[in-house]
Amino acid sequence: LWALREARRRYPDGLVIHTTAAHYSV
């Protein structure tokens, strides 16, 4: 959660990409 929030701070229009095998927390 911290990392994605930091990524959004840097890139407000950023697109998150994760796989179908990513942990449910993502």
mmCIF file of all heavy atoms, coordinates in Angstrom:
data_MODEL
# 
_entry.id   MODEL 
# 
loop_
_atom_site.group_PDB 
_atom_site.id 
_atom_site.type_symbol 
_atom_site.label_atom_id 
_atom_site.label_alt_id 
_atom_site.label_comp_id 
_atom_site.label_asym_id 
_atom_site.label_entity_id 
_atom_site.label_seq_id 
_atom_site.pdbx_PDB_ins_code 
_atom_site.Cartn_x 
_atom_site.Cartn_y 
_atom_site.Cartn_z 
_atom_site.occupancy 
_atom_site.B_iso_or_equiv 
_atom_site.pdbx_formal_charge 
_atom_site.auth_seq_id 
_atom_site.auth_comp_id 
_atom_site.auth_asym_id 
_atom_site.auth_atom_id 
_atom_site.pdbx_PDB_model_num 
ATOM 1   N N   . LEU A 1 1  ? 0.829  -1.201  0.000   1.00 0.00 ? 1  LEU A N   1 
ATOM 2   C CA  . LEU A 1 1  ? 0.000  0.000   0.000   1.00 0.00 ? 1  LEU A CA  1 
ATOM 3   C C   . LEU A 1 1  ? 0.870  1.260   0.000   1.00 0.00 ? 1  LEU A C   1 
ATOM 4   O O   . LEU A 1 1  ? 0.605  2.212   -0.752  1.00 0.00 ? 1  LEU A O   1 
ATOM 5   C CB  . LEU A 1 1  ? -0.922 -0.020  1.218   1.00 0.00 ? 1  LEU A CB  1 
ATOM 6   C CG  . LEU A 1 1  ? -1.879 1.167   1.382   1.00 0.00 ? 1  LEU A CG  1 
ATOM 7   C CD1 . LEU A 1 1  ? -2.835 1.264   0.209   1.00 0.00 ? 1  LEU A CD1 1 
ATOM 8   C CD2 . LEU A 1 1  ? -2.653 1.040   2.697   1.00 0.00 ? 1  LEU A CD2 1 
ATOM 9   N N   . TRP A 1 2  ? 1.923  1.271   0.835   1.00 0.00 ? 2  TRP A N   1 
ATOM 10  C CA  . TRP A 1 2  ? 2.809  2.437   0.880   1.00 0.00 ? 2  TRP A CA  1 
ATOM 11  C C   . TRP A 1 2  ? 3.445  2.670   -0.487  1.00 0.00 ? 2  TRP A C   1 
ATOM 12  O O   . TRP A 1 2  ? 3.512  3.819   -0.971  1.00 0.00 ? 2  TRP A O   1 
ATOM 13  C CB  . TRP A 1 2  ? 3.912  2.243   1.921   1.00 0.00 ? 2  TRP A CB  1 
ATOM 14  C CG  . TRP A 1 2  ? 4.748  3.475   2.126   1.00 0.00 ? 2  TRP A CG  1 
ATOM 15  C CD1 . TRP A 1 2  ? 4.596  4.417   3.101   1.00 0.00 ? 2  TRP A CD1 1 
ATOM 16  C CD2 . TRP A 1 2  ? 5.850  3.911   1.313   1.00 0.00 ? 2  TRP A CD2 1 
ATOM 17  N NE1 . TRP A 1 2  ? 5.527  5.418   2.957   1.00 0.00 ? 2  TRP A NE1 1 
ATOM 18  C CE2 . TRP A 1 2  ? 6.313  5.139   1.858   1.00 0.00 ? 2  TRP A CE2 1 
ATOM 19  C CE3 . TRP A 1 2  ? 6.483  3.402   0.183   1.00 0.00 ? 2  TRP A CE3 1 
ATOM 20  C CZ2 . TRP A 1 2  ? 7.374  5.842   1.306   1.00 0.00 ? 2  TRP A CZ2 1 
ATOM 21  C CZ3 . TRP A 1 2  ? 7.541  4.112   -0.373  1.00 0.00 ? 2  TRP A CZ3 1 
ATOM 22  C CH2 . TRP A 1 2  ? 7.977  5.301   0.186   1.00 0.00 ? 2  TRP A CH2 1 
ATOM 23  N N   . ALA A 1 3  ? 3.919  1.591   -1.116  1.00 0.00 ? 3  ALA A N   1 
ATOM 24  C CA  . ALA A 1 3  ? 4.620  1.724   -2.392  1.00 0.00 ? 3  ALA A CA  1 
ATOM 25  C C   . ALA A 1 3  ? 3.702  2.260   -3.485  1.00 0.00 ? 3  ALA A C   1 
ATOM 26  O O   . ALA A 1 3  ? 4.091  3.132   -4.272  1.00 0.00 ? 3  ALA A O   1 
ATOM 27  C CB  . ALA A 1 3  ? 5.198  0.371   -2.799  1.00 0.00 ? 3  ALA A CB  1 
ATOM 28  N N   . LEU A 1 4  ? 2.483  1.757   -3.552  1.00 0.00 ? 4  LEU A N   1 
ATOM 29  C CA  . LEU A 1 4  ? 1.565  2.227   -4.592  1.00 0.00 ? 4  LEU A CA  1 
ATOM 30  C C   . LEU A 1 4  ? 1.149  3.676   -4.330  1.00 0.00 ? 4  LEU A C   1 
ATOM 31  O O   . LEU A 1 4  ? 0.977  4.462   -5.268  1.00 0.00 ? 4  LEU A O   1 
ATOM 32  C CB  . LEU A 1 4  ? 0.347  1.318   -4.676  1.00 0.00 ? 4  LEU A CB  1 
ATOM 33  C CG  . LEU A 1 4  ? 0.624  -0.096  -5.207  1.00 0.00 ? 4  LEU A CG  1 
ATOM 34  C CD1 . LEU A 1 4  ? -0.664 -0.889  -5.339  1.00 0.00 ? 4  LEU A CD1 1 
ATOM 35  C CD2 . LEU A 1 4  ? 1.347  -0.046  -6.555  1.00 0.00 ? 4  LEU A CD2 1 
ATOM 36  N N   . ARG A 1 5  ? 1.027  4.045   -3.069  1.00 0.00 ? 5  ARG A N   1 
ATOM 37  C CA  . ARG A 1 5  ? 0.720  5.446   -2.763  1.00 0.00 ? 5  ARG A CA  1 
ATOM 38  C C   . ARG A 1 5  ? 1.875  6.345   -3.178  1.00 0.00 ? 5  ARG A C   1 
ATOM 39  O O   . ARG A 1 5  ? 1.673  7.429   -3.740  1.00 0.00 ? 5  ARG A O   1 
ATOM 40  C CB  . ARG A 1 5  ? 0.414  5.623   -1.279  1.00 0.00 ? 5  ARG A CB  1 
ATOM 41  C CG  . ARG A 1 5  ? -0.120 7.023   -0.954  1.00 0.00 ? 5  ARG A CG  1 
ATOM 42  C CD  . ARG A 1 5  ? -0.283 7.251   0.532   1.00 0.00 ? 5  ARG A CD  1 
ATOM 43  N NE  . ARG A 1 5  ? 1.007  7.291   1.233   1.00 0.00 ? 5  ARG A NE  1 
ATOM 44  C CZ  . ARG A 1 5  ? 1.171  7.804   2.456   1.00 0.00 ? 5  ARG A CZ  1 
ATOM 45  N NH1 . ARG A 1 5  ? 0.132  8.298   3.115   1.00 0.00 ? 5  ARG A NH1 1 
ATOM 46  N NH2 . ARG A 1 5  ? 2.356  7.809   3.027   1.00 0.00 ? 5  ARG A NH2 1 
ATOM 47  N N   . GLU A 1 6  ? 3.113  5.919   -2.921  1.00 0.00 ? 6  GLU A N   1 
ATOM 48  C CA  . GLU A 1 6  ? 4.277  6.695   -3.331  1.00 0.00 ? 6  GLU A CA  1 
ATOM 49  C C   . GLU A 1 6  ? 4.360  6.788   -4.852  1.00 0.00 ? 6  GLU A C   1 
ATOM 50  O O   . GLU A 1 6  ? 4.683  7.849   -5.411  1.00 0.00 ? 6  GLU A O   1 
ATOM 51  C CB  . GLU A 1 6  ? 5.547  6.057   -2.772  1.00 0.00 ? 6  GLU A CB  1 
ATOM 52  C CG  . GLU A 1 6  ? 6.853  6.621   -3.313  1.00 0.00 ? 6  GLU A CG  1 
ATOM 53  C CD  . GLU A 1 6  ? 7.073  8.088   -2.987  1.00 0.00 ? 6  GLU A CD  1 
ATOM 54  O OE1 . GLU A 1 6  ? 6.370  8.631   -2.113  1.00 0.00 ? 6  GLU A OE1 1 
ATOM 55  O OE2 . GLU A 1 6  ? 7.948  8.702   -3.626  1.00 0.00 ? 6  GLU A OE2 1 
ATOM 56  N N   . ALA A 1 7  ? 4.056  5.675   -5.528  1.00 0.00 ? 7  ALA A N   1 
ATOM 57  C CA  . ALA A 1 7  ? 4.068  5.687   -6.993  1.00 0.00 ? 7  ALA A CA  1 
ATOM 58  C C   . ALA A 1 7  ? 3.022  6.658   -7.538  1.00 0.00 ? 7  ALA A C   1 
ATOM 59  O O   . ALA A 1 7  ? 3.279  7.388   -8.505  1.00 0.00 ? 7  ALA A O   1 
ATOM 60  C CB  . ALA A 1 7  ? 3.810  4.278   -7.521  1.00 0.00 ? 7  ALA A CB  1 
ATOM 61  N N   . ARG A 1 8  ? 1.847  6.696   -6.900  1.00 0.00 ? 8  ARG A N   1 
ATOM 62  C CA  . ARG A 1 8  ? 0.803  7.640   -7.329  1.00 0.00 ? 8  ARG A CA  1 
ATOM 63  C C   . ARG A 1 8  ? 1.231  9.083   -7.088  1.00 0.00 ? 8  ARG A C   1 
ATOM 64  O O   . ARG A 1 8  ? 0.904  9.988   -7.873  1.00 0.00 ? 8  ARG A O   1 
ATOM 65  C CB  . ARG A 1 8  ? -0.497 7.343   -6.591  1.00 0.00 ? 8  ARG A CB  1 
ATOM 66  C CG  . ARG A 1 8  ? -1.687 8.177   -7.092  1.00 0.00 ? 8  ARG A CG  1 
ATOM 67  C CD  . ARG A 1 8  ? -2.932 7.922   -6.292  1.00 0.00 ? 8  ARG A CD  1 
ATOM 68  N NE  . ARG A 1 8  ? -2.785 8.348   -4.905  1.00 0.00 ? 8  ARG A NE  1 
ATOM 69  C CZ  . ARG A 1 8  ? -3.763 8.235   -3.998  1.00 0.00 ? 8  ARG A CZ  1 
ATOM 70  N NH1 . ARG A 1 8  ? -4.924 7.692   -4.339  1.00 0.00 ? 8  ARG A NH1 1 
ATOM 71  N NH2 . ARG A 1 8  ? -3.563 8.635   -2.754  1.00 0.00 ? 8  ARG A NH2 1 
ATOM 72  N N   . ARG A 1 9  ? 1.971  9.316   -5.994  1.00 0.00 ? 9  ARG A N   1 
ATOM 73  C CA  . ARG A 1 9  ? 2.467  10.665  -5.724  1.00 0.00 ? 9  ARG A CA  1 
ATOM 74  C C   . ARG A 1 9  ? 3.393  11.126  -6.840  1.00 0.00 ? 9  ARG A C   1 
ATOM 75  O O   . ARG A 1 9  ? 3.341  12.278  -7.272  1.00 0.00 ? 9  ARG A O   1 
ATOM 76  C CB  . ARG A 1 9  ? 3.202  10.690  -4.380  1.00 0.00 ? 9  ARG A CB  1 
ATOM 77  C CG  . ARG A 1 9  ? 3.618  12.081  -3.917  1.00 0.00 ? 9  ARG A CG  1 
ATOM 78  C CD  . ARG A 1 9  ? 4.487  12.006  -2.667  1.00 0.00 ? 9  ARG A CD  1 
ATOM 79  N NE  . ARG A 1 9  ? 5.793  11.429  -2.945  1.00 0.00 ? 9  ARG A NE  1 
ATOM 80  C CZ  . ARG A 1 9  ? 6.824  12.102  -3.457  1.00 0.00 ? 9  ARG A CZ  1 
ATOM 81  N NH1 . ARG A 1 9  ? 6.688  13.379  -3.754  1.00 0.00 ? 9  ARG A NH1 1 
ATOM 82  N NH2 . ARG A 1 9  ? 7.978  11.506  -3.668  1.00 0.00 ? 9  ARG A NH2 1 
ATOM 83  N N   . ARG A 1 10 ? 4.229  10.216  -7.309  1.00 0.00 ? 10 ARG A N   1 
ATOM 84  C CA  . ARG A 1 10 ? 5.159  10.567  -8.393  1.00 0.00 ? 10 ARG A CA  1 
ATOM 85  C C   . ARG A 1 10 ? 4.445  10.662  -9.733  1.00 0.00 ? 10 ARG A C   1 
ATOM 86  O O   . ARG A 1 10 ? 4.753  11.534  -10.562 1.00 0.00 ? 10 ARG A O   1 
ATOM 87  C CB  . ARG A 1 10 ? 6.257  9.516   -8.501  1.00 0.00 ? 10 ARG A CB  1 
ATOM 88  C CG  . ARG A 1 10 ? 7.193  9.455   -7.326  1.00 0.00 ? 10 ARG A CG  1 
ATOM 89  C CD  . ARG A 1 10 ? 8.423  8.649   -7.721  1.00 0.00 ? 10 ARG A CD  1 
ATOM 90  N NE  . ARG A 1 10 ? 9.055  8.032   -6.579  1.00 0.00 ? 10 ARG A NE  1 
ATOM 91  C CZ  . ARG A 1 10 ? 10.113 7.240   -6.666  1.00 0.00 ? 10 ARG A CZ  1 
ATOM 92  N NH1 . ARG A 1 10 ? 10.641 6.973   -7.850  1.00 0.00 ? 10 ARG A NH1 1 
ATOM 93  N NH2 . ARG A 1 10 ? 10.640 6.719   -5.577  1.00 0.00 ? 10 ARG A NH2 1 
ATOM 94  N N   . TYR A 1 11 ? 3.519  9.735   -9.964  1.00 0.00 ? 11 TYR A N   1 
ATOM 95  C CA  . TYR A 1 11 ? 2.824  9.651   -11.259 1.00 0.00 ? 11 TYR A CA  1 
ATOM 96  C C   . TYR A 1 11 ? 1.317  9.606   -11.016 1.00 0.00 ? 11 TYR A C   1 
ATOM 97  O O   . TYR A 1 11 ? 0.720  8.524   -10.970 1.00 0.00 ? 11 TYR A O   1 
ATOM 98  C CB  . TYR A 1 11 ? 3.278  8.416   -12.030 1.00 0.00 ? 11 TYR A CB  1 
ATOM 99  C CG  . TYR A 1 11 ? 4.754  8.350   -12.297 1.00 0.00 ? 11 TYR A CG  1 
ATOM 100 C CD1 . TYR A 1 11 ? 5.566  7.428   -11.629 1.00 0.00 ? 11 TYR A CD1 1 
ATOM 101 C CD2 . TYR A 1 11 ? 5.347  9.216   -13.215 1.00 0.00 ? 11 TYR A CD2 1 
ATOM 102 C CE1 . TYR A 1 11 ? 6.929  7.369   -11.875 1.00 0.00 ? 11 TYR A CE1 1 
ATOM 103 C CE2 . TYR A 1 11 ? 6.711  9.165   -13.468 1.00 0.00 ? 11 TYR A CE2 1 
ATOM 104 C CZ  . TYR A 1 11 ? 7.495  8.241   -12.789 1.00 0.00 ? 11 TYR A CZ  1 
ATOM 105 O OH  . TYR A 1 11 ? 8.850  8.187   -13.035 1.00 0.00 ? 11 TYR A OH  1 
ATOM 106 N N   . PRO A 1 12 ? 0.681  10.770  -10.854 1.00 0.00 ? 12 PRO A N   1 
ATOM 107 C CA  . PRO A 1 12 ? -0.750 10.792  -10.558 1.00 0.00 ? 12 PRO A CA  1 
ATOM 108 C C   . PRO A 1 12 ? -1.610 10.073  -11.600 1.00 0.00 ? 12 PRO A C   1 
ATOM 109 O O   . PRO A 1 12 ? -2.693 9.581   -11.273 1.00 0.00 ? 12 PRO A O   1 
ATOM 110 C CB  . PRO A 1 12 ? -1.072 12.289  -10.505 1.00 0.00 ? 12 PRO A CB  1 
ATOM 111 C CG  . PRO A 1 12 ? 0.228  12.942  -10.156 1.00 0.00 ? 12 PRO A CG  1 
ATOM 112 C CD  . PRO A 1 12 ? 1.275  12.115  -10.836 1.00 0.00 ? 12 PRO A CD  1 
ATOM 113 N N   . ASP A 1 13 ? -1.142 10.028  -12.844 1.00 0.00 ? 13 ASP A N   1 
ATOM 114 C CA  . ASP A 1 13 ? -1.901 9.346   -13.893 1.00 0.00 ? 13 ASP A CA  1 
ATOM 115 C C   . ASP A 1 13 ? -1.305 7.977   -14.221 1.00 0.00 ? 13 ASP A C   1 
ATOM 116 O O   . ASP A 1 13 ? -1.579 7.406   -15.275 1.00 0.00 ? 13 ASP A O   1 
ATOM 117 C CB  . ASP A 1 13 ? -1.959 10.200  -15.158 1.00 0.00 ? 13 ASP A CB  1 
ATOM 118 C CG  . ASP A 1 13 ? -0.574 10.508  -15.723 1.00 0.00 ? 13 ASP A CG  1 
ATOM 119 O OD1 . ASP A 1 13 ? 0.418  10.407  -14.958 1.00 0.00 ? 13 ASP A OD1 1 
ATOM 120 O OD2 . ASP A 1 13 ? -0.476 10.830  -16.924 1.00 0.00 ? 13 ASP A OD2 1 
ATOM 121 N N   . GLY A 1 14 ? -0.479 7.454   -13.323 1.00 0.00 ? 14 GLY A N   1 
ATOM 122 C CA  . GLY A 1 14 ? 0.164  6.162   -13.567 1.00 0.00 ? 14 GLY A CA  1 
ATOM 123 C C   . GLY A 1 14 ? -0.820 5.004   -13.577 1.00 0.00 ? 14 GLY A C   1 
ATOM 124 O O   . GLY A 1 14 ? -1.836 5.004   -12.871 1.00 0.00 ? 14 GLY A O   1 
ATOM 125 N N   . LEU A 1 15 ? -0.509 3.993   -14.368 1.00 0.00 ? 15 LEU A N   1 
ATOM 126 C CA  . LEU A 1 15 ? -1.338 2.792   -14.509 1.00 0.00 ? 15 LEU A CA  1 
ATOM 127 C C   . LEU A 1 15 ? -0.652 1.639   -13.776 1.00 0.00 ? 15 LEU A C   1 
ATOM 128 O O   . LEU A 1 15 ? 0.476  1.279   -14.091 1.00 0.00 ? 15 LEU A O   1 
ATOM 129 C CB  . LEU A 1 15 ? -1.491 2.441   -15.990 1.00 0.00 ? 15 LEU A CB  1 
ATOM 130 C CG  . LEU A 1 15 ? -2.364 1.231   -16.328 1.00 0.00 ? 15 LEU A CG  1 
ATOM 131 C CD1 . LEU A 1 15 ? -3.826 1.522   -16.028 1.00 0.00 ? 15 LEU A CD1 1 
ATOM 132 C CD2 . LEU A 1 15 ? -2.177 0.858   -17.800 1.00 0.00 ? 15 LEU A CD2 1 
ATOM 133 N N   . VAL A 1 16 ? -1.333 1.069   -12.794 1.00 0.00 ? 16 VAL A N   1 
ATOM 134 C CA  . VAL A 1 16 ? -0.775 -0.057  -12.049 1.00 0.00 ? 16 VAL A CA  1 
ATOM 135 C C   . VAL A 1 16 ? -0.914 -1.330  -12.869 1.00 0.00 ? 16 VAL A C   1 
ATOM 136 O O   . VAL A 1 16 ? -1.982 -1.609  -13.422 1.00 0.00 ? 16 VAL A O   1 
ATOM 137 C CB  . VAL A 1 16 ? -1.492 -0.240  -10.695 1.00 0.00 ? 16 VAL A CB  1 
ATOM 138 C CG1 . VAL A 1 16 ? -0.901 -1.436  -9.939  1.00 0.00 ? 16 VAL A CG1 1 
ATOM 139 C CG2 . VAL A 1 16 ? -1.370 1.020   -9.853  1.00 0.00 ? 16 VAL A CG2 1 
ATOM 140 N N   . ILE A 1 17 ? 0.163  -2.096  -12.929 1.00 0.00 ? 17 ILE A N   1 
ATOM 141 C CA  . ILE A 1 17 ? 0.146  -3.376  -13.638 1.00 0.00 ? 17 ILE A CA  1 
ATOM 142 C C   . ILE A 1 17 ? 0.633  -4.465  -12.694 1.00 0.00 ? 17 ILE A C   1 
ATOM 143 O O   . ILE A 1 17 ? 1.704  -4.359  -12.098 1.00 0.00 ? 17 ILE A O   1 
ATOM 144 C CB  . ILE A 1 17 ? 1.034  -3.330  -14.897 1.00 0.00 ? 17 ILE A CB  1 
ATOM 145 C CG1 . ILE A 1 17 ? 0.436  -2.338  -15.906 1.00 0.00 ? 17 ILE A CG1 1 
ATOM 146 C CG2 . ILE A 1 17 ? 1.172  -4.712  -15.512 1.00 0.00 ? 17 ILE A CG2 1 
ATOM 147 C CD1 . ILE A 1 17 ? 1.216  -2.221  -17.188 1.00 0.00 ? 17 ILE A CD1 1 
ATOM 148 N N   . HIS A 1 18 ? -0.180 -5.495  -12.542 1.00 0.00 ? 18 HIS A N   1 
ATOM 149 C CA  . HIS A 1 18 ? 0.202  -6.661  -11.747 1.00 0.00 ? 18 HIS A CA  1 
ATOM 150 C C   . HIS A 1 18 ? -0.341 -7.908  -12.422 1.00 0.00 ? 18 HIS A C   1 
ATOM 151 O O   . HIS A 1 18 ? -1.196 -7.824  -13.318 1.00 0.00 ? 18 HIS A O   1 
ATOM 152 C CB  . HIS A 1 18 ? -0.332 -6.550  -10.308 1.00 0.00 ? 18 HIS A CB  1 
ATOM 153 C CG  . HIS A 1 18 ? -1.832 -6.528  -10.207 1.00 0.00 ? 18 HIS A CG  1 
ATOM 154 N ND1 . HIS A 1 18 ? -2.593 -7.681  -10.191 1.00 0.00 ? 18 HIS A ND1 1 
ATOM 155 C CD2 . HIS A 1 18 ? -2.703 -5.495  -10.115 1.00 0.00 ? 18 HIS A CD2 1 
ATOM 156 C CE1 . HIS A 1 18 ? -3.874 -7.364  -10.074 1.00 0.00 ? 18 HIS A CE1 1 
ATOM 157 N NE2 . HIS A 1 18 ? -3.968 -6.042  -10.043 1.00 0.00 ? 18 HIS A NE2 1 
ATOM 158 N N   . THR A 1 19 ? 0.129  -9.059  -12.005 1.00 0.00 ? 19 THR A N   1 
ATOM 159 C CA  . THR A 1 19 ? -0.283 -10.299 -12.656 1.00 0.00 ? 19 THR A CA  1 
ATOM 160 C C   . THR A 1 19 ? -1.449 -10.947 -11.919 1.00 0.00 ? 19 THR A C   1 
ATOM 161 O O   . THR A 1 19 ? -1.820 -10.566 -10.811 1.00 0.00 ? 19 THR A O   1 
ATOM 162 C CB  . THR A 1 19 ? 0.864  -11.321 -12.726 1.00 0.00 ? 19 THR A CB  1 
ATOM 163 O OG1 . THR A 1 19 ? 1.061  -11.900 -11.419 1.00 0.00 ? 19 THR A OG1 1 
ATOM 164 C CG2 . THR A 1 19 ? 2.151  -10.689 -13.208 1.00 0.00 ? 19 THR A CG2 1 
ATOM 165 N N   . THR A 1 20 ? -2.005 -11.960 -12.570 1.00 0.00 ? 20 THR A N   1 
ATOM 166 C CA  . THR A 1 20 ? -3.081 -12.738 -11.959 1.00 0.00 ? 20 THR A CA  1 
ATOM 167 C C   . THR A 1 20 ? -2.589 -13.512 -10.739 1.00 0.00 ? 20 THR A C   1 
ATOM 168 O O   . THR A 1 20 ? -3.405 -13.948 -9.919  1.00 0.00 ? 20 THR A O   1 
ATOM 169 C CB  . THR A 1 20 ? -3.663 -13.734 -12.973 1.00 0.00 ? 20 THR A CB  1 
ATOM 170 O OG1 . THR A 1 20 ? -2.582 -14.525 -13.528 1.00 0.00 ? 20 THR A OG1 1 
ATOM 171 C CG2 . THR A 1 20 ? -4.366 -13.015 -14.118 1.00 0.00 ? 20 THR A CG2 1 
ATOM 172 N N   . ALA A 1 21 ? -1.265 -13.680 -10.607 1.00 0.00 ? 21 ALA A N   1 
ATOM 173 C CA  . ALA A 1 21 ? -0.696 -14.421 -9.472  1.00 0.00 ? 21 ALA A CA  1 
ATOM 174 C C   . ALA A 1 21 ? -0.257 -13.505 -8.345  1.00 0.00 ? 21 ALA A C   1 
ATOM 175 O O   . ALA A 1 21 ? 0.258  -13.985 -7.330  1.00 0.00 ? 21 ALA A O   1 
ATOM 176 C CB  . ALA A 1 21 ? 0.493  -15.271 -9.941  1.00 0.00 ? 21 ALA A CB  1 
ATOM 177 N N   . ALA A 1 22 ? -0.448 -12.191 -8.482  1.00 0.00 ? 22 ALA A N   1 
ATOM 178 C CA  . ALA A 1 22 ? -0.050 -11.260 -7.427  1.00 0.00 ? 22 ALA A CA  1 
ATOM 179 C C   . ALA A 1 22 ? -0.847 -11.540 -6.159  1.00 0.00 ? 22 ALA A C   1 
ATOM 180 O O   . ALA A 1 22 ? -1.979 -12.038 -6.202  1.00 0.00 ? 22 ALA A O   1 
ATOM 181 C CB  . ALA A 1 22 ? -0.267 -9.822  -7.875  1.00 0.00 ? 22 ALA A CB  1 
ATOM 182 N N   . HIS A 1 23 ? -0.267 -11.201 -5.019  1.00 0.00 ? 23 HIS A N   1 
ATOM 183 C CA  . HIS A 1 23 ? -0.955 -11.378 -3.739  1.00 0.00 ? 23 HIS A CA  1 
ATOM 184 C C   . HIS A 1 23 ? -2.240 -10.550 -3.724  1.00 0.00 ? 23 HIS A C   1 
ATOM 185 O O   . HIS A 1 23 ? -2.309 -9.474  -4.320  1.00 0.00 ? 23 HIS A O   1 
ATOM 186 C CB  . HIS A 1 23 ? -0.026 -10.940 -2.605  1.00 0.00 ? 23 HIS A CB  1 
ATOM 187 C CG  . HIS A 1 23 ? -0.535 -11.286 -1.241  1.00 0.00 ? 23 HIS A CG  1 
ATOM 188 N ND1 . HIS A 1 23 ? -1.224 -10.388 -0.457  1.00 0.00 ? 23 HIS A ND1 1 
ATOM 189 C CD2 . HIS A 1 23 ? -0.463 -12.439 -0.529  1.00 0.00 ? 23 HIS A CD2 1 
ATOM 190 C CE1 . HIS A 1 23 ? -1.548 -10.958 0.697   1.00 0.00 ? 23 HIS A CE1 1 
ATOM 191 N NE2 . HIS A 1 23 ? -1.090 -12.213 0.676   1.00 0.00 ? 23 HIS A NE2 1 
ATOM 192 N N   . TYR A 1 24 ? -3.246 -11.045 -3.024  1.00 0.00 ? 24 TYR A N   1 
ATOM 193 C CA  . TYR A 1 24 ? -4.535 -10.357 -3.010  1.00 0.00 ? 24 TYR A CA  1 
ATOM 194 C C   . TYR A 1 24 ? -4.459 -8.945  -2.436  1.00 0.00 ? 24 TYR A C   1 
ATOM 195 O O   . TYR A 1 24 ? -5.360 -8.118  -2.652  1.00 0.00 ? 24 TYR A O   1 
ATOM 196 C CB  . TYR A 1 24 ? -5.567 -11.181 -2.239  1.00 0.00 ? 24 TYR A CB  1 
ATOM 197 C CG  . TYR A 1 24 ? -5.222 -11.468 -0.792  1.00 0.00 ? 24 TYR A CG  1 
ATOM 198 C CD1 . TYR A 1 24 ? -5.443 -10.535 0.215   1.00 0.00 ? 24 TYR A CD1 1 
ATOM 199 C CD2 . TYR A 1 24 ? -4.663 -12.700 -0.423  1.00 0.00 ? 24 TYR A CD2 1 
ATOM 200 C CE1 . TYR A 1 24 ? -5.121 -10.798 1.537   1.00 0.00 ? 24 TYR A CE1 1 
ATOM 201 C CE2 . TYR A 1 24 ? -4.339 -12.969 0.899   1.00 0.00 ? 24 TYR A CE2 1 
ATOM 202 C CZ  . TYR A 1 24 ? -4.580 -12.024 1.875   1.00 0.00 ? 24 TYR A CZ  1 
ATOM 203 O OH  . TYR A 1 24 ? -4.265 -12.285 3.178   1.00 0.00 ? 24 TYR A OH  1 
ATOM 204 N N   . SER A 1 25 ? -3.387 -8.640  -1.706  1.00 0.00 ? 25 SER A N   1 
ATOM 205 C CA  . SER A 1 25 ? -3.256 -7.297  -1.152  1.00 0.00 ? 25 SER A CA  1 
ATOM 206 C C   . SER A 1 25 ? -2.993 -6.249  -2.222  1.00 0.00 ? 25 SER A C   1 
ATOM 207 O O   . SER A 1 25 ? -3.239 -5.056  -1.995  1.00 0.00 ? 25 SER A O   1 
ATOM 208 C CB  . SER A 1 25 ? -2.128 -7.260  -0.117  1.00 0.00 ? 25 SER A CB  1 
ATOM 209 O OG  . SER A 1 25 ? -0.879 -7.547  -0.725  1.00 0.00 ? 25 SER A OG  1 
ATOM 210 N N   . VAL A 1 26 ? -2.482 -6.664  -3.376  1.00 0.00 ? 26 VAL A N   1 
ATOM 211 C CA  . VAL A 1 26 ? -2.177 -5.692  -4.432  1.00 0.00 ? 26 VAL A CA  1 
ATOM 212 C C   . VAL A 1 26 ? -3.456 -5.112  -5.036  1.00 0.00 ? 26 VAL A C   1 
ATOM 213 O O   . VAL A 1 26 ? -3.638 -3.887  -5.065  1.00 0.00 ? 26 VAL A O   1 
ATOM 214 C CB  . VAL A 1 26 ? -1.246 -6.305  -5.494  1.00 0.00 ? 26 VAL A CB  1 
ATOM 215 C CG1 . VAL A 1 26 ? -1.071 -5.339  -6.668  1.00 0.00 ? 26 VAL A CG1 1 
ATOM 216 C CG2 . VAL A 1 26 ? 0.105  -6.644  -4.887  1.00 0.00 ? 26 VAL A CG2 1 
# 
